[in-house]
PDB file of N, CA and C in Angstrom:
ATOM      1  N   MET A   1      17.411  -5.611 108.564  1.00  0.00           N
ATOM      2  CA  MET A   1      18.570  -4.764 108.784  1.00  0.00           C
ATOM      3  C   MET A   1      18.414  -4.067 110.140  1.00  0.00           C
ATOM      4  N   THR A   2      19.466  -4.089 110.944  1.00  0.00           N
ATOM      5  CA  THR A   2      19.407  -3.439 112.253  1.00  0.00           C
ATOM      6  C   THR A   2      19.556  -1.927 112.085  1.00  0.00           C
ATOM      7  N   GLU A   3      19.270  -1.207 113.162  1.00  0.00           N
ATOM      8  CA  GLU A   3      19.421   0.250 113.157  1.00  0.00           C
ATOM      9  C   GLU A   3      20.880   0.638 112.870  1.00  0.00           C
ATOM     10  N   VAL A   4      21.823  -0.076 113.475  1.00  0.00           N
ATOM     11  CA  VAL A   4      23.256   0.206 113.269  1.00  0.00           C
ATOM     12  C   VAL A   4      23.647  -0.052 111.811  1.00  0.00           C
ATOM     13  N   GLU A   5      23.175  -1.160 111.255  1.00  0.00           N
ATOM     14  CA  GLU A   5      23.486  -1.472 109.854  1.00  0.00           C
ATOM     15  C   GLU A   5      22.904  -0.423 108.919  1.00  0.00           C
ATOM     16  N   LEU A   6      21.669   0.005 109.199  1.00  0.00           N
ATOM     17  CA  LEU A   6      21.040   1.027 108.360  1.00  0.00           C
ATOM     18  C   LEU A   6      21.797   2.347 108.462  1.00  0.00           C
ATOM     19  N   LYS A   7      22.208   2.711 109.672  1.00  0.00           N
ATOM     20  CA  LYS A   7      22.966   3.962 109.827  1.00  0.00           C
ATOM     21  C   LYS A   7      24.274   3.885 109.037  1.00  0.00           C
ATOM     22  N   ASP A   8      24.945   2.731 109.060  1.00  0.00           N
ATOM     23  CA  ASP A   8      26.167   2.549 108.264  1.00  0.00           C
ATOM     24  C   ASP A   8      25.879   2.704 106.775  1.00  0.00           C
ATOM     25  N   GLU A   9      24.743   2.157 106.322  1.00  0.00           N
ATOM     26  CA  GLU A   9      24.346   2.288 104.909  1.00  0.00           C
ATOM     27  C   GLU A   9      24.083   3.758 104.558  1.00  0.00           C
ATOM     28  N   VAL A  10      23.452   4.480 105.480  1.00  0.00           N
ATOM     29  CA  VAL A  10      23.171   5.899 105.263  1.00  0.00           C
ATOM     30  C   VAL A  10      24.486   6.665 105.129  1.00  0.00           C
ATOM     31  N   ILE A  11      25.452   6.388 106.002  1.00  0.00           N
ATOM     32  CA  ILE A  11      26.757   7.059 105.927  1.00  0.00           C
ATOM     33  C   ILE A  11      27.440   6.743 104.591  1.00  0.00           C
ATOM     34  N   THR A  12      27.367   5.492 104.166  1.00  0.00           N
ATOM     35  CA  THR A  12      27.949   5.110 102.871  1.00  0.00           C
ATOM     36  C   THR A  12      27.284   5.911 101.747  1.00  0.00           C
ATOM     37  N   ALA A  13      25.963   6.054 101.806  1.00  0.00           N
ATOM     38  CA  ALA A  13      25.242   6.822 100.785  1.00  0.00           C
ATOM     39  C   ALA A  13      25.661   8.292 100.821  1.00  0.00           C
ATOM     40  N   LEU A  14      25.820   8.845 102.023  1.00  0.00           N
ATOM     41  CA  LEU A  14      26.220  10.252 102.155  1.00  0.00           C
ATOM     42  C   LEU A  14      27.609  10.492 101.573  1.00  0.00           C
ATOM     43  N   LYS A  15      28.455   9.488 101.625  1.00  0.00           N
ATOM     44  CA  LYS A  15      29.817   9.622 101.092  1.00  0.00           C
ATOM     45  C   LYS A  15      29.826   9.607  99.561  1.00  0.00           C
ATOM     46  N   ARG A  16      28.637   9.464  98.950  1.00  0.00           N
ATOM     47  CA  ARG A  16      28.533   9.552  97.492  1.00  0.00           C
ATOM     48  C   ARG A  16      27.932  10.892  97.050  1.00  0.00           C
ATOM     49  N   VAL A  17      27.743  11.818  98.005  1.00  0.00           N
ATOM     50  CA  VAL A  17      27.196  13.146  97.700  1.00  0.00           C
ATOM     51  C   VAL A  17      28.313  14.167  97.890  1.00  0.00           C
ATOM     52  N   TYR A  18      28.579  14.934  96.840  1.00  0.00           N
ATOM     53  CA  TYR A  18      29.668  15.911  96.869  1.00  0.00           C
ATOM     54  C   TYR A  18      29.142  17.320  96.685  1.00  0.00           C
ATOM     55  N   ASP A  19      29.775  18.261  97.376  1.00  0.00           N
ATOM     56  CA  ASP A  19      29.558  19.668  97.086  1.00  0.00           C
ATOM     57  C   ASP A  19      30.258  19.886  95.750  1.00  0.00           C
ATOM     58  N   PRO A  20      29.551  20.376  94.722  1.00  0.00           N
ATOM     59  CA  PRO A  20      30.166  20.510  93.391  1.00  0.00           C
ATOM     60  C   PRO A  20      31.423  21.382  93.363  1.00  0.00           C
ATOM     61  N   GLU A  21      31.563  22.268  94.352  1.00  0.00           N
ATOM     62  CA  GLU A  21      32.717  23.174  94.361  1.00  0.00           C
ATOM     63  C   GLU A  21      33.915  22.599  95.111  1.00  0.00           C
ATOM     64  N   ILE A  22      33.704  21.489  95.845  1.00  0.00           N
ATOM     65  CA  ILE A  22      34.765  20.930  96.694  1.00  0.00           C
ATOM     66  C   ILE A  22      34.845  19.431  96.428  1.00  0.00           C
ATOM     67  N   PRO A  23      36.033  18.899  96.148  1.00  0.00           N
ATOM     68  CA  PRO A  23      36.148  17.475  95.793  1.00  0.00           C
ATOM     69  C   PRO A  23      36.133  16.524  96.993  1.00  0.00           C
ATOM     70  N   VAL A  24      35.276  16.807  97.970  1.00  0.00           N
ATOM     71  CA  VAL A  24      35.163  15.984  99.173  1.00  0.00           C
ATOM     72  C   VAL A  24      33.676  15.783  99.436  1.00  0.00           C
ATOM     73  N   ASP A  25      33.312  14.569  99.907  1.00  0.00           N
ATOM     74  CA  ASP A  25      31.890  14.296 100.137  1.00  0.00           C
ATOM     75  C   ASP A  25      31.354  15.052 101.352  1.00  0.00           C
ATOM     76  N   VAL A  26      30.026  15.169 101.410  1.00  0.00           N
ATOM     77  CA  VAL A  26      29.381  15.970 102.462  1.00  0.00           C
ATOM     78  C   VAL A  26      29.617  15.407 103.862  1.00  0.00           C
ATOM     79  N   TYR A  27      29.786  14.086 103.965  1.00  0.00           N
ATOM     80  CA  TYR A  27      30.017  13.483 105.278  1.00  0.00           C
ATOM     81  C   TYR A  27      31.402  13.858 105.805  1.00  0.00           C
ATOM     82  N   GLU A  28      32.427  13.681 104.980  1.00  0.00           N
ATOM     83  CA  GLU A  28      33.803  14.008 105.399  1.00  0.00           C
ATOM     84  C   GLU A  28      33.985  15.511 105.589  1.00  0.00           C
ATOM     85  N   LEU A  29      33.209  16.318 104.852  1.00  0.00           N
ATOM     86  CA  LEU A  29      33.286  17.775 105.022  1.00  0.00           C
ATOM     87  C   LEU A  29      32.735  18.219 106.377  1.00  0.00           C
ATOM     88  N   GLY A  30      31.954  17.355 107.022  1.00  0.00           N
ATOM     89  CA  GLY A  30      31.363  17.717 108.308  1.00  0.00           C
ATOM     90  C   GLY A  30      30.029  18.426 108.162  1.00  0.00           C
ATOM     91  N   LEU A  31      29.392  18.293 107.000  1.00  0.00           N
ATOM     92  CA  LEU A  31      28.116  18.970 106.774  1.00  0.00           C
ATOM     93  C   LEU A  31      26.941  18.231 107.407  1.00  0.00           C
ATOM     94  N   ILE A  32      27.167  16.983 107.820  1.00  0.00           N
ATOM     95  CA  ILE A  32      26.101  16.192 108.440  1.00  0.00           C
ATOM     96  C   ILE A  32      26.222  16.329 109.954  1.00  0.00           C
ATOM     97  N   TYR A  33      25.223  16.953 110.564  1.00  0.00           N
ATOM     98  CA  TYR A  33      25.241  17.173 112.015  1.00  0.00           C
ATOM     99  C   TYR A  33      24.652  16.005 112.782  1.00  0.00           C
ATOM    100  N   ASP A  34      23.637  15.336 112.206  1.00  0.00           N
ATOM    101  CA  ASP A  34      22.980  14.266 112.937  1.00  0.00           C
ATOM    102  C   ASP A  34      22.293  13.311 111.969  1.00  0.00           C
ATOM    103  N   ILE A  35      22.295  12.038 112.320  1.00  0.00           N
ATOM    104  CA  ILE A  35      21.560  11.003 111.584  1.00  0.00           C
ATOM    105  C   ILE A  35      20.774  10.224 112.627  1.00  0.00           C
ATOM    106  N   LYS A  36      19.463  10.141 112.434  1.00  0.00           N
ATOM    107  CA  LYS A  36      18.623   9.368 113.360  1.00  0.00           C
ATOM    108  C   LYS A  36      17.841   8.351 112.553  1.00  0.00           C
ATOM    109  N   ILE A  37      17.726   7.165 113.114  1.00  0.00           N
ATOM    110  CA  ILE A  37      16.909   6.116 112.521  1.00  0.00           C
ATOM    111  C   ILE A  37      15.710   5.912 113.445  1.00  0.00           C
ATOM    112  N   PHE A  38      14.514   6.098 112.901  1.00  0.00           N
ATOM    113  CA  PHE A  38      13.283   5.926 113.672  1.00  0.00           C
ATOM    114  C   PHE A  38      12.627   4.603 113.275  1.00  0.00           C
ATOM    115  N   PRO A  39      11.671   4.134 114.071  1.00  0.00           N
ATOM    116  CA  PRO A  39      11.007   2.859 113.762  1.00  0.00           C
ATOM    117  C   PRO A  39      10.513   2.791 112.317  1.00  0.00           C
ATOM    118  N   VAL A  40      10.493   1.618 111.822  1.00  0.00           N
ATOM    119  CA  VAL A  40      10.103   1.282 110.453  1.00  0.00           C
ATOM    120  C   VAL A  40      11.053   1.925 109.428  1.00  0.00           C
ATOM    121  N   ASN A  41      12.319   2.061 109.825  1.00  0.00           N
ATOM    122  CA  ASN A  41      13.372   2.540 108.919  1.00  0.00           C
ATOM    123  C   ASN A  41      13.108   3.908 108.308  1.00  0.00           C
ATOM    124  N   ASN A  42      12.618   4.828 109.123  1.00  0.00           N
ATOM    125  CA  ASN A  42      12.517   6.222 108.713  1.00  0.00           C
ATOM    126  C   ASN A  42      13.832   6.898 109.105  1.00  0.00           C
ATOM    127  N   VAL A  43      14.415   7.621 108.163  1.00  0.00           N
ATOM    128  CA  VAL A  43      15.733   8.236 108.363  1.00  0.00           C
ATOM    129  C   VAL A  43      15.585   9.749 108.429  1.00  0.00           C
ATOM    130  N   TYR A  44      16.222  10.351 109.449  1.00  0.00           N
ATOM    131  CA  TYR A  44      16.254  11.801 109.615  1.00  0.00           C
ATOM    132  C   TYR A  44      17.710  12.250 109.553  1.00  0.00           C
ATOM    133  N   VAL A  45      17.969  13.261 108.742  1.00  0.00           N
ATOM    134  CA  VAL A  45      19.316  13.827 108.627  1.00  0.00           C
ATOM    135  C   VAL A  45      19.234  15.325 108.879  1.00  0.00           C
ATOM    136  N   LEU A  46      20.063  15.799 109.815  1.00  0.00           N
ATOM    137  CA  LEU A  46      20.218  17.233 110.058  1.00  0.00           C
ATOM    138  C   LEU A  46      21.555  17.623 109.453  1.00  0.00           C
ATOM    139  N   MET A  47      21.515  18.583 108.553  1.00  0.00           N
ATOM    140  CA  MET A  47      22.753  18.949 107.855  1.00  0.00           C
ATOM    141  C   MET A  47      22.835  20.452 107.649  1.00  0.00           C
ATOM    142  N   THR A  48      24.006  20.883 107.221  1.00  0.00           N
ATOM    143  CA  THR A  48      24.234  22.278 106.895  1.00  0.00           C
ATOM    144  C   THR A  48      24.920  22.344 105.534  1.00  0.00           C
ATOM    145  N   LEU A  49      25.242  23.536 105.113  1.00  0.00           N
ATOM    146  CA  LEU A  49      26.030  23.750 103.899  1.00  0.00           C
ATOM    147  C   LEU A  49      27.234  24.600 104.284  1.00  0.00           C
ATOM    148  N   THR A  50      28.209  24.665 103.396  1.00  0.00           N
ATOM    149  CA  THR A  50      29.415  25.427 103.728  1.00  0.00           C
ATOM    150  C   THR A  50      29.104  26.899 103.960  1.00  0.00           C
ATOM    151  N   SER A  51      28.033  27.415 103.326  1.00  0.00           N
ATOM    152  CA  SER A  51      27.582  28.778 103.606  1.00  0.00           C
ATOM    153  C   SER A  51      26.115  28.901 103.200  1.00  0.00           C
ATOM    154  N   PRO A  52      25.377  29.826 103.834  1.00  0.00           N
ATOM    155  CA  PRO A  52      23.960  30.004 103.476  1.00  0.00           C
ATOM    156  C   PRO A  52      23.775  30.404 102.011  1.00  0.00           C
ATOM    157  N   SER A  53      24.791  31.021 101.427  1.00  0.00           N
ATOM    158  CA  SER A  53      24.688  31.449 100.029  1.00  0.00           C
ATOM    159  C   SER A  53      25.286  30.424  99.064  1.00  0.00           C
ATOM    160  N   CYS A  54      25.493  29.207  99.533  1.00  0.00           N
ATOM    161  CA  CYS A  54      26.040  28.136  98.709  1.00  0.00           C
ATOM    162  C   CYS A  54      25.199  27.998  97.436  1.00  0.00           C
ATOM    163  N   PRO A  55      25.842  28.042  96.252  1.00  0.00           N
ATOM    164  CA  PRO A  55      25.086  27.937  94.999  1.00  0.00           C
ATOM    165  C   PRO A  55      24.347  26.603  94.855  1.00  0.00           C
ATOM    166  N   SER A  56      24.759  25.595  95.600  1.00  0.00           N
ATOM    167  CA  SER A  56      24.135  24.272  95.507  1.00  0.00           C
ATOM    168  C   SER A  56      23.129  24.026  96.627  1.00  0.00           C
ATOM    169  N   ALA A  57      22.640  25.105  97.251  1.00  0.00           N
ATOM    170  CA  ALA A  57      21.746  24.982  98.409  1.00  0.00           C
ATOM    171  C   ALA A  57      20.508  24.143  98.099  1.00  0.00           C
ATOM    172  N   GLU A  58      20.007  24.206  96.890  1.00  0.00           N
ATOM    173  CA  GLU A  58      18.827  23.421  96.529  1.00  0.00           C
ATOM    174  C   GLU A  58      19.224  21.988  96.184  1.00  0.00           C
ATOM    175  N   GLN A  59      20.346  21.843  95.526  1.00  0.00           N
ATOM    176  CA  GLN A  59      20.757  20.552  94.966  1.00  0.00           C
ATOM    177  C   GLN A  59      21.243  19.558  96.024  1.00  0.00           C
ATOM    178  N   ILE A  60      22.100  19.972  96.933  1.00  0.00           N
ATOM    179  CA  ILE A  60      22.749  19.035  97.855  1.00  0.00           C
ATOM    180  C   ILE A  60      21.753  18.331  98.782  1.00  0.00           C
ATOM    181  N   PRO A  61      20.852  19.043  99.490  1.00  0.00           N
ATOM    182  CA  PRO A  61      19.896  18.316 100.345  1.00  0.00           C
ATOM    183  C   PRO A  61      19.024  17.337  99.545  1.00  0.00           C
ATOM    184  N   GLY A  62      18.639  17.707  98.340  1.00  0.00           N
ATOM    185  CA  GLY A  62      17.850  16.818  97.493  1.00  0.00           C
ATOM    186  C   GLY A  62      18.616  15.573  97.103  1.00  0.00           C
ATOM    187  N   GLU A  63      19.902  15.750  96.814  1.00  0.00           N
ATOM    188  CA  GLU A  63      20.737  14.599  96.470  1.00  0.00           C
ATOM    189  C   GLU A  63      20.955  13.698  97.685  1.00  0.00           C
ATOM    190  N   VAL A  64      21.116  14.303  98.867  1.00  0.00           N
ATOM    191  CA  VAL A  64      21.241  13.524 100.106  1.00  0.00           C
ATOM    192  C   VAL A  64      19.988  12.659 100.279  1.00  0.00           C
ATOM    193  N   GLU A  65      18.821  13.273 100.127  1.00  0.00           N
ATOM    194  CA  GLU A  65      17.561  12.533 100.284  1.00  0.00           C
ATOM    195  C   GLU A  65      17.463  11.408  99.250  1.00  0.00           C
ATOM    196  N   GLN A  66      17.802  11.703  98.012  1.00  0.00           N
ATOM    197  CA  GLN A  66      17.712  10.709  96.942  1.00  0.00           C
ATOM    198  C   GLN A  66      18.616   9.505  97.215  1.00  0.00           C
ATOM    199  N   LYS A  67      19.860   9.756  97.598  1.00  0.00           N
ATOM    200  CA  LYS A  67      20.809   8.658  97.851  1.00  0.00           C
ATOM    201  C   LYS A  67      20.333   7.775  99.004  1.00  0.00           C
ATOM    202  N   ILE A  68      19.752   8.386 100.040  1.00  0.00           N
ATOM    203  CA  ILE A  68      19.257   7.598 101.182  1.00  0.00           C
ATOM    204  C   ILE A  68      18.025   6.790 100.770  1.00  0.00           C
ATOM    205  N   ARG A  69      17.151   7.388  99.955  1.00  0.00           N
ATOM    206  CA  ARG A  69      15.950   6.676  99.496  1.00  0.00           C
ATOM    207  C   ARG A  69      16.312   5.444  98.658  1.00  0.00           C
ATOM    208  N   GLU A  70      17.481   5.451  98.032  1.00  0.00           N
ATOM    209  CA  GLU A  70      17.917   4.320  97.206  1.00  0.00           C
ATOM    210  C   GLU A  70      18.320   3.104  98.044  1.00  0.00           C
ATOM    211  N   ILE A  71      18.496   3.287  99.354  1.00  0.00           N
ATOM    212  CA  ILE A  71      18.883   2.174 100.231  1.00  0.00           C
ATOM    213  C   ILE A  71      17.691   1.243 100.393  1.00  0.00           C
ATOM    214  N   ASP A  72      17.923  -0.028 100.141  1.00  0.00           N
ATOM    215  CA  ASP A  72      16.870  -1.026 100.251  1.00  0.00           C
ATOM    216  C   ASP A  72      16.335  -1.083 101.677  1.00  0.00           C
ATOM    217  N   GLY A  73      15.031  -0.953 101.843  1.00  0.00           N
ATOM    218  CA  GLY A  73      14.422  -1.063 103.163  1.00  0.00           C
ATOM    219  C   GLY A  73      14.090   0.262 103.824  1.00  0.00           C
ATOM    220  N   VAL A  74      14.581   1.389 103.281  1.00  0.00           N
ATOM    221  CA  VAL A  74      14.275   2.700 103.863  1.00  0.00           C
ATOM    222  C   VAL A  74      12.819   3.048 103.551  1.00  0.00           C
ATOM    223  N   SER A  75      12.060   3.410 104.588  1.00  0.00           N
ATOM    224  CA  SER A  75      10.647   3.750 104.403  1.00  0.00           C
ATOM    225  C   SER A  75      10.465   5.212 104.011  1.00  0.00           C
ATOM    226  N   ASP A  76      11.108   6.105 104.763  1.00  0.00           N
ATOM    227  CA  ASP A  76      10.944   7.532 104.501  1.00  0.00           C
ATOM    228  C   ASP A  76      12.226   8.260 104.894  1.00  0.00           C
ATOM    229  N   VAL A  77      12.422   9.427 104.290  1.00  0.00           N
ATOM    230  CA  VAL A  77      13.628  10.230 104.555  1.00  0.00           C
ATOM    231  C   VAL A  77      13.203  11.667 104.802  1.00  0.00           C
ATOM    232  N   SER A  78      13.775  12.256 105.837  1.00  0.00           N
ATOM    233  CA  SER A  78      13.549  13.668 106.132  1.00  0.00           C
ATOM    234  C   SER A  78      14.922  14.327 106.262  1.00  0.00           C
ATOM    235  N   VAL A  79      15.163  15.350 105.446  1.00  0.00           N
ATOM    236  CA  VAL A  79      16.432  16.085 105.496  1.00  0.00           C
ATOM    237  C   VAL A  79      16.119  17.505 105.953  1.00  0.00           C
ATOM    238  N   GLU A  80      16.725  17.892 107.069  1.00  0.00           N
ATOM    239  CA  GLU A  80      16.526  19.244 107.588  1.00  0.00           C
ATOM    240  C   GLU A  80      17.823  20.023 107.436  1.00  0.00           C
ATOM    241  N   LEU A  81      17.696  21.240 106.927  1.00  0.00           N
ATOM    242  CA  LEU A  81      18.847  22.106 106.724  1.00  0.00           C
ATOM    243  C   LEU A  81      18.898  23.136 107.839  1.00  0.00           C
ATOM    244  N   THR A  82      20.075  23.323 108.429  1.00  0.00           N
ATOM    245  CA  THR A  82      20.240  24.313 109.488  1.00  0.00           C
ATOM    246  C   THR A  82      21.555  25.058 109.297  1.00  0.00           C
ATOM    247  N   PHE A  83      21.625  26.230 109.853  1.00  0.00           N
ATOM    248  CA  PHE A  83      22.893  26.975 109.840  1.00  0.00           C
ATOM    249  C   PHE A  83      23.306  27.322 111.267  1.00  0.00           C
ATOM    250  N   ASP A  84      22.811  26.523 112.212  1.00  0.00           N
ATOM    251  CA  ASP A  84      23.144  26.712 113.617  1.00  0.00           C
ATOM    252  C   ASP A  84      23.573  25.368 114.201  1.00  0.00           C
ATOM    253  N   PRO A  85      24.798  25.157 114.564  1.00  0.00           N
ATOM    254  CA  PRO A  85      25.888  26.148 114.523  1.00  0.00           C
ATOM    255  C   PRO A  85      26.391  26.358 113.102  1.00  0.00           C
ATOM    256  N   PRO A  86      26.959  27.528 112.829  1.00  0.00           N
ATOM    257  CA  PRO A  86      27.499  27.799 111.502  1.00  0.00           C
ATOM    258  C   PRO A  86      28.638  26.827 111.175  1.00  0.00           C
ATOM    259  N   TYR A  87      28.738  26.487 109.907  1.00  0.00           N
ATOM    260  CA  TYR A  87      29.793  25.577 109.462  1.00  0.00           C
ATOM    261  C   TYR A  87      31.160  26.236 109.600  1.00  0.00           C
ATOM    262  N   SER A  88      32.152  25.435 109.983  1.00  0.00           N
ATOM    263  CA  SER A  88      33.538  25.908 109.971  1.00  0.00           C
ATOM    264  C   SER A  88      34.430  24.756 109.531  1.00  0.00           C
ATOM    265  N   GLN A  89      35.627  25.071 109.102  1.00  0.00           N
ATOM    266  CA  GLN A  89      36.557  24.045 108.621  1.00  0.00           C
ATOM    267  C   GLN A  89      36.945  23.063 109.720  1.00  0.00           C
ATOM    268  N   ASP A  90      36.763  23.433 110.971  1.00  0.00           N
ATOM    269  CA  ASP A  90      37.066  22.533 112.085  1.00  0.00           C
ATOM    270  C   ASP A  90      36.182  21.288 112.063  1.00  0.00           C
ATOM    271  N   MET A  91      35.062  21.354 111.363  1.00  0.00           N
ATOM    272  CA  MET A  91      34.119  20.238 111.311  1.00  0.00           C
ATOM    273  C   MET A  91      34.542  19.156 110.321  1.00  0.00           C
ATOM    274  N   MET A  92      35.525  19.468 109.492  1.00  0.00           N
ATOM    275  CA  MET A  92      35.997  18.501 108.499  1.00  0.00           C
ATOM    276  C   MET A  92      36.726  17.348 109.162  1.00  0.00           C
ATOM    277  N   SER A  93      36.601  16.176 108.561  1.00  0.00           N
ATOM    278  CA  SER A  93      37.367  15.019 109.025  1.00  0.00           C
ATOM    279  C   SER A  93      38.826  15.203 108.612  1.00  0.00           C
ATOM    280  N   GLU A  94      39.701  14.399 109.201  1.00  0.00           N
ATOM    281  CA  GLU A  94      41.108  14.453 108.795  1.00  0.00           C
ATOM    282  C   GLU A  94      41.262  14.091 107.327  1.00  0.00           C
ATOM    283  N   VAL A  95      40.423  13.164 106.848  1.00  0.00           N
ATOM    284  CA  VAL A  95      40.454  12.772 105.434  1.00  0.00           C
ATOM    285  C   VAL A  95      40.198  13.993 104.548  1.00  0.00           C
ATOM    286  N   ALA A  96      39.186  14.769 104.891  1.00  0.00           N
ATOM    287  CA  ALA A  96      38.836  15.962 104.109  1.00  0.00           C
ATOM    288  C   ALA A  96      39.962  17.001 104.174  1.00  0.00           C
ATOM    289  N   LYS A  97      40.504  17.191 105.382  1.00  0.00           N
ATOM    290  CA  LYS A  97      41.578  18.187 105.528  1.00  0.00           C
ATOM    291  C   LYS A  97      42.799  17.793 104.699  1.00  0.00           C
ATOM    292  N   LEU A  98      43.129  16.507 104.685  1.00  0.00           N
ATOM    293  CA  LEU A  98      44.237  16.041 103.861  1.00  0.00           C
ATOM    294  C   LEU A  98      43.945  16.258 102.385  1.00  0.00           C
ATOM    295  N   GLU A  99      42.744  15.882 101.969  1.00  0.00           N
ATOM    296  CA  GLU A  99      42.325  16.000 100.569  1.00  0.00           C
ATOM    297  C   GLU A  99      42.406  17.443 100.072  1.00  0.00           C
ATOM    298  N   LEU A 100      42.050  18.386 100.953  1.00  0.00           N
ATOM    299  CA  LEU A 100      42.021  19.796 100.574  1.00  0.00           C
ATOM    300  C   LEU A 100      43.298  20.546 100.914  1.00  0.00           C
ATOM    301  N   GLY A 101      44.289  19.827 101.452  1.00  0.00           N
ATOM    302  CA  GLY A 101      45.581  20.444 101.720  1.00  0.00           C
ATOM    303  C   GLY A 101      45.637  21.276 102.988  1.00  0.00           C
ATOM    304  N   PHE A 102      44.759  21.008 103.950  1.00  0.00           N
ATOM    305  CA  PHE A 102      44.782  21.758 105.212  1.00  0.00           C
ATOM    306  C   PHE A 102      45.695  21.104 106.254  1.00  0.00           C
ATOM    307  N   MET A 103      46.262  19.946 105.919  1.00  0.00           N
ATOM    308  CA  MET A 103      47.149  19.259 106.884  1.00  0.00           C
ATOM    309  C   MET A 103      48.483  18.986 106.241  1.00  0.00           C
TER     310      MET A 103
END
């Protein structure tokens, strides 16, 4: 699997992780800031949450890691949580904005 193919698989996996309070996946919500693929299929994800006090702060990063680990060929996964820059609704995709009635 090429780096591009693996990154596409990672994005597909991220689209199966939802914030329990919002019916939109973490990727479309704009919670994923960066995805890097390192040699030997090690995956790094930099992400945020809708707020630092998000009740799912423990659950969502763990679910992101689990879904990526399920991809065939992934060696290791590192998920880093950041609140810089702070999340805002501007980070949502058009799909998410439509789904949530912002458009």
